[in-house]
N, C-alpha and C. Protein backbone atom coordinates (compact mmCIF):
# COMPACT_ATOMS: atom_id res chain seq x y z
N MET A 1 -7.24 18.49 -27.96
CA MET A 1 -7.38 18.00 -26.76
C MET A 1 -8.78 17.03 -26.99
N GLY A 2 -8.82 15.89 -26.37
CA GLY A 2 -9.77 14.85 -26.62
C GLY A 2 -10.80 14.94 -25.55
N HIS A 3 -11.59 13.90 -25.65
CA HIS A 3 -12.75 13.73 -24.76
C HIS A 3 -12.62 12.55 -24.07
N ILE A 4 -13.00 12.35 -22.80
CA ILE A 4 -13.17 10.91 -22.42
C ILE A 4 -14.54 10.49 -21.95
N LEU A 5 -14.90 9.32 -22.67
CA LEU A 5 -16.08 8.68 -22.44
C LEU A 5 -15.90 7.53 -21.53
N ARG A 6 -16.79 7.41 -20.43
CA ARG A 6 -16.70 6.32 -19.33
C ARG A 6 -18.16 5.81 -19.57
N VAL A 7 -18.26 4.53 -19.62
CA VAL A 7 -19.35 3.46 -19.66
C VAL A 7 -19.50 2.68 -18.43
N VAL A 8 -20.28 2.59 -17.83
CA VAL A 8 -20.58 1.58 -16.72
C VAL A 8 -21.57 0.64 -17.18
N THR A 9 -21.22 -0.59 -17.37
CA THR A 9 -22.23 -1.70 -17.96
C THR A 9 -21.80 -3.10 -17.35
N ASN A 10 -22.48 -3.96 -17.62
CA ASN A 10 -22.53 -5.29 -17.34
C ASN A 10 -21.52 -5.83 -18.50
N TYR A 11 -20.66 -6.79 -17.79
CA TYR A 11 -19.73 -7.39 -18.79
C TYR A 11 -20.14 -8.04 -20.11
N ASN A 12 -21.50 -8.67 -19.80
CA ASN A 12 -22.13 -9.39 -21.00
C ASN A 12 -22.49 -8.39 -22.08
N LEU A 13 -22.72 -7.14 -21.89
CA LEU A 13 -22.83 -6.15 -22.87
C LEU A 13 -21.64 -5.43 -23.66
N LEU A 14 -20.40 -6.14 -23.07
CA LEU A 14 -19.07 -5.23 -23.55
C LEU A 14 -19.09 -5.33 -25.10
N GLU A 15 -19.38 -6.48 -25.80
CA GLU A 15 -19.12 -6.47 -27.32
C GLU A 15 -19.99 -5.50 -27.90
N ASN A 16 -21.40 -5.20 -27.52
CA ASN A 16 -22.28 -4.44 -28.03
C ASN A 16 -21.94 -2.96 -27.93
N ILE A 17 -21.46 -2.89 -26.59
CA ILE A 17 -20.90 -1.31 -26.22
C ILE A 17 -19.84 -0.85 -27.08
N THR A 18 -18.81 -1.91 -27.17
CA THR A 18 -17.79 -1.48 -28.14
C THR A 18 -18.07 -1.16 -29.60
N ARG A 19 -18.94 -2.11 -30.08
CA ARG A 19 -19.47 -1.75 -31.65
C ARG A 19 -20.16 -0.43 -31.45
N LEU A 20 -20.97 -0.08 -30.43
CA LEU A 20 -21.42 1.35 -30.55
C LEU A 20 -20.73 2.18 -30.56
N ILE A 21 -19.52 2.25 -29.80
CA ILE A 21 -18.57 3.24 -29.62
C ILE A 21 -17.59 3.44 -31.01
N PHE A 22 -17.40 2.22 -31.28
CA PHE A 22 -16.61 2.37 -32.54
C PHE A 22 -17.33 2.99 -33.84
N THR A 23 -18.66 2.46 -33.79
CA THR A 23 -19.60 3.02 -34.83
C THR A 23 -19.74 4.73 -34.68
N HIS A 24 -20.14 5.18 -33.45
CA HIS A 24 -20.63 6.44 -33.19
C HIS A 24 -19.67 7.28 -32.81
N THR A 25 -18.38 7.18 -32.75
CA THR A 25 -17.54 7.93 -32.29
C THR A 25 -16.03 7.73 -33.10
N SER A 26 -15.17 8.78 -32.93
CA SER A 26 -14.05 8.75 -33.86
C SER A 26 -12.79 8.05 -33.17
N THR A 27 -13.15 7.27 -32.02
CA THR A 27 -12.13 6.55 -31.48
C THR A 27 -11.63 5.45 -32.33
N ILE A 28 -10.30 4.97 -31.97
CA ILE A 28 -9.85 3.74 -32.68
C ILE A 28 -9.19 2.74 -31.53
N GLY A 29 -9.54 3.09 -30.30
CA GLY A 29 -9.00 1.87 -29.14
C GLY A 29 -9.95 2.21 -27.89
N ILE A 30 -10.22 1.24 -27.22
CA ILE A 30 -11.03 1.26 -26.14
C ILE A 30 -10.24 0.59 -24.99
N LYS A 31 -10.20 1.17 -23.91
CA LYS A 31 -9.64 0.49 -22.47
C LYS A 31 -10.87 -0.05 -21.65
N TYR A 32 -10.71 -1.15 -21.23
CA TYR A 32 -11.87 -1.38 -20.17
C TYR A 32 -11.23 -2.43 -19.12
N TYR A 33 -11.95 -2.43 -18.06
CA TYR A 33 -11.58 -3.14 -16.69
C TYR A 33 -12.73 -3.48 -15.86
N GLU A 34 -12.60 -4.49 -15.28
CA GLU A 34 -13.65 -5.04 -14.28
C GLU A 34 -13.57 -4.27 -12.87
N ILE A 35 -14.47 -3.79 -12.53
CA ILE A 35 -14.78 -3.39 -11.09
C ILE A 35 -15.32 -4.33 -10.26
N LYS A 36 -14.63 -4.75 -9.00
CA LYS A 36 -15.43 -5.69 -8.12
C LYS A 36 -15.76 -4.78 -6.98
N SER A 37 -16.98 -4.98 -6.45
CA SER A 37 -17.36 -4.17 -5.07
C SER A 37 -17.86 -5.47 -4.09
N VAL A 38 -17.65 -4.92 -2.94
CA VAL A 38 -18.24 -5.68 -1.71
C VAL A 38 -19.38 -4.83 -0.77
N CYS A 39 -20.28 -5.51 -0.91
CA CYS A 39 -21.34 -4.76 -0.16
C CYS A 39 -21.80 -5.41 1.25
N MET A 40 -22.26 -4.39 2.13
CA MET A 40 -22.74 -4.88 3.61
C MET A 40 -24.32 -5.79 3.30
N ASN A 41 -24.35 -6.71 4.08
CA ASN A 41 -25.58 -7.20 4.25
C ASN A 41 -26.67 -6.36 4.85
N LYS A 42 -27.96 -6.31 4.35
CA LYS A 42 -28.98 -5.48 4.62
C LYS A 42 -30.05 -6.14 5.27
N GLU A 43 -30.66 -5.64 6.47
CA GLU A 43 -31.95 -5.98 7.06
C GLU A 43 -32.71 -4.79 7.30
N PHE A 44 -34.19 -5.00 7.24
CA PHE A 44 -34.92 -3.86 7.58
C PHE A 44 -35.78 -4.32 8.69
N LYS A 45 -35.72 -3.31 9.82
CA LYS A 45 -36.78 -3.60 10.68
C LYS A 45 -37.36 -2.19 11.23
N GLU A 46 -38.48 -2.24 12.08
CA GLU A 46 -39.01 -1.18 12.51
C GLU A 46 -38.89 -0.98 13.86
N VAL A 47 -38.59 0.26 14.49
CA VAL A 47 -38.55 0.43 16.03
C VAL A 47 -39.62 1.61 16.24
N SER A 48 -39.88 1.60 17.44
CA SER A 48 -40.93 2.50 17.96
C SER A 48 -39.92 3.58 18.69
N THR A 49 -40.42 4.90 18.41
CA THR A 49 -39.79 5.98 19.13
C THR A 49 -40.62 6.51 19.92
N SER A 50 -40.29 7.33 21.09
CA SER A 50 -41.21 7.75 21.87
C SER A 50 -41.94 9.13 21.28
N ASN A 51 -41.48 9.82 20.57
CA ASN A 51 -41.92 11.28 20.12
C ASN A 51 -42.36 11.00 18.72
N TYR A 52 -41.97 10.14 17.87
CA TYR A 52 -42.30 10.02 16.40
C TYR A 52 -42.88 8.82 16.12
N GLY A 53 -43.44 7.93 16.59
CA GLY A 53 -44.01 6.62 16.24
C GLY A 53 -42.99 5.69 15.69
N LYS A 54 -43.35 4.92 14.79
CA LYS A 54 -42.55 3.99 14.42
C LYS A 54 -41.78 4.39 13.22
N ILE A 55 -40.49 4.04 13.14
CA ILE A 55 -39.37 4.42 12.21
C ILE A 55 -38.82 3.24 11.64
N LYS A 56 -38.60 3.13 10.28
CA LYS A 56 -38.29 1.99 9.85
C LYS A 56 -36.64 2.10 9.63
N LEU A 57 -35.75 1.24 9.96
CA LEU A 57 -34.24 1.08 9.96
C LEU A 57 -33.63 0.25 8.89
N LYS A 58 -32.51 0.69 8.35
CA LYS A 58 -31.92 -0.14 7.54
C LYS A 58 -30.67 -0.77 8.35
N GLU A 59 -30.36 -2.00 8.73
CA GLU A 59 -29.46 -2.72 9.68
C GLU A 59 -28.40 -3.23 8.69
N CYS A 60 -27.13 -2.68 8.51
CA CYS A 60 -26.22 -3.12 7.67
C CYS A 60 -25.10 -3.79 8.50
N THR A 61 -24.55 -5.25 7.91
CA THR A 61 -23.48 -5.79 8.72
C THR A 61 -22.57 -6.04 7.55
N TYR A 62 -21.25 -6.10 8.07
CA TYR A 62 -20.16 -6.99 7.36
C TYR A 62 -19.30 -7.42 8.45
N LYS A 63 -19.31 -8.91 8.54
CA LYS A 63 -18.46 -9.69 9.57
C LYS A 63 -18.73 -8.83 10.71
N ASP A 64 -17.83 -8.29 11.64
CA ASP A 64 -18.14 -7.72 12.99
C ASP A 64 -18.65 -6.38 13.03
N ILE A 65 -18.78 -5.52 11.76
CA ILE A 65 -19.07 -4.28 11.52
C ILE A 65 -20.64 -4.24 11.54
N LYS A 66 -21.29 -3.42 12.17
CA LYS A 66 -22.64 -2.91 12.19
C LYS A 66 -23.09 -1.63 12.03
N LYS A 67 -23.98 -1.28 11.23
CA LYS A 67 -24.55 0.07 10.96
C LYS A 67 -25.92 0.15 10.82
N SER A 68 -26.49 1.13 11.44
CA SER A 68 -27.85 1.17 11.38
C SER A 68 -28.30 2.60 11.05
N TYR A 69 -29.24 2.64 9.85
CA TYR A 69 -29.62 4.05 9.40
C TYR A 69 -31.07 4.25 9.26
N PRO A 70 -31.80 5.16 9.53
CA PRO A 70 -33.12 5.34 9.32
C PRO A 70 -33.48 5.54 7.95
N GLU A 71 -34.62 4.79 7.48
CA GLU A 71 -34.90 5.01 6.12
C GLU A 71 -35.57 6.47 5.84
N PHE A 72 -35.11 6.88 4.71
CA PHE A 72 -35.51 8.50 4.43
C PHE A 72 -36.92 8.62 4.25
N GLU A 73 -37.57 7.47 3.72
CA GLU A 73 -39.08 7.78 3.46
C GLU A 73 -39.76 7.57 4.84
N SER A 74 -39.24 6.94 5.69
CA SER A 74 -39.97 6.71 6.97
C SER A 74 -39.62 8.02 7.86
N LEU A 75 -38.56 8.75 7.63
CA LEU A 75 -38.15 9.79 8.15
C LEU A 75 -39.08 10.99 7.64
N LYS A 76 -39.25 11.09 6.30
CA LYS A 76 -40.08 12.06 5.65
C LYS A 76 -41.58 11.88 6.12
N GLU A 77 -42.10 10.90 6.25
CA GLU A 77 -43.55 10.63 6.75
C GLU A 77 -43.60 11.26 7.98
N ALA A 78 -42.87 10.78 9.15
CA ALA A 78 -42.77 11.36 10.48
C ALA A 78 -42.81 12.94 10.60
N SER A 79 -41.71 13.51 9.53
CA SER A 79 -41.54 14.83 9.53
C SER A 79 -42.95 15.52 9.28
N LYS A 80 -43.51 15.12 8.42
CA LYS A 80 -44.79 15.69 7.96
C LYS A 80 -45.85 15.32 8.88
N LYS A 81 -45.85 14.12 9.49
CA LYS A 81 -46.98 14.08 10.39
C LYS A 81 -46.65 14.82 11.71
N PHE A 82 -45.44 14.85 12.31
CA PHE A 82 -45.30 15.69 13.24
C PHE A 82 -44.73 17.19 13.18
N ASN A 83 -44.81 17.51 12.02
CA ASN A 83 -44.27 18.98 11.55
C ASN A 83 -43.00 19.34 12.41
N VAL A 84 -41.90 18.62 12.05
CA VAL A 84 -40.65 18.81 12.61
C VAL A 84 -39.74 18.54 11.28
N SER A 85 -38.60 19.01 11.33
CA SER A 85 -37.68 18.71 10.20
C SER A 85 -36.97 17.12 10.47
N ILE A 86 -36.53 16.72 9.25
CA ILE A 86 -35.98 15.48 9.15
C ILE A 86 -34.75 15.34 10.04
N ALA A 87 -34.02 16.47 10.09
CA ALA A 87 -32.74 16.74 10.87
C ALA A 87 -33.11 16.60 12.24
N LYS A 88 -34.13 17.18 12.81
CA LYS A 88 -34.47 17.15 14.17
C LYS A 88 -34.82 15.70 14.44
N ILE A 89 -35.42 15.20 13.71
CA ILE A 89 -35.93 13.67 14.00
C ILE A 89 -34.51 12.63 14.13
N LYS A 90 -33.69 13.05 13.30
CA LYS A 90 -32.54 12.21 13.33
C LYS A 90 -31.58 12.49 14.40
N LYS A 91 -31.48 13.74 14.91
CA LYS A 91 -30.86 14.16 16.00
C LYS A 91 -31.40 13.67 17.46
N ASP A 92 -32.90 13.62 17.29
CA ASP A 92 -33.67 13.21 18.73
C ASP A 92 -33.74 11.65 18.91
N ILE A 93 -33.43 10.98 17.91
CA ILE A 93 -33.76 9.50 17.99
C ILE A 93 -32.21 8.91 17.97
N LYS A 94 -31.95 7.84 18.84
CA LYS A 94 -30.67 7.13 18.77
C LYS A 94 -31.07 5.64 18.38
N PHE A 95 -30.09 5.18 17.41
CA PHE A 95 -30.21 3.70 17.14
C PHE A 95 -28.99 3.10 17.34
């Protein structure tokens, strides 16, 4: 039974990675393919909440799709400052 080695890298490093794999493993063949991805646009803003002060938001958009997420570090700061769990803050605030 063999092993599978998966490498995620930039295309411009393909030749170097290929040489490394052939040099340092017993393999005699490599399969590779390009992966494409689409990301939503991101904007950051701050909103005031009645119980937890200002919370930073990440607003993501793709065409007509919009999503908002509170930033974890902002939630963590509010959690420490107001002595409540991050889960409670997320439940209490509406975005």
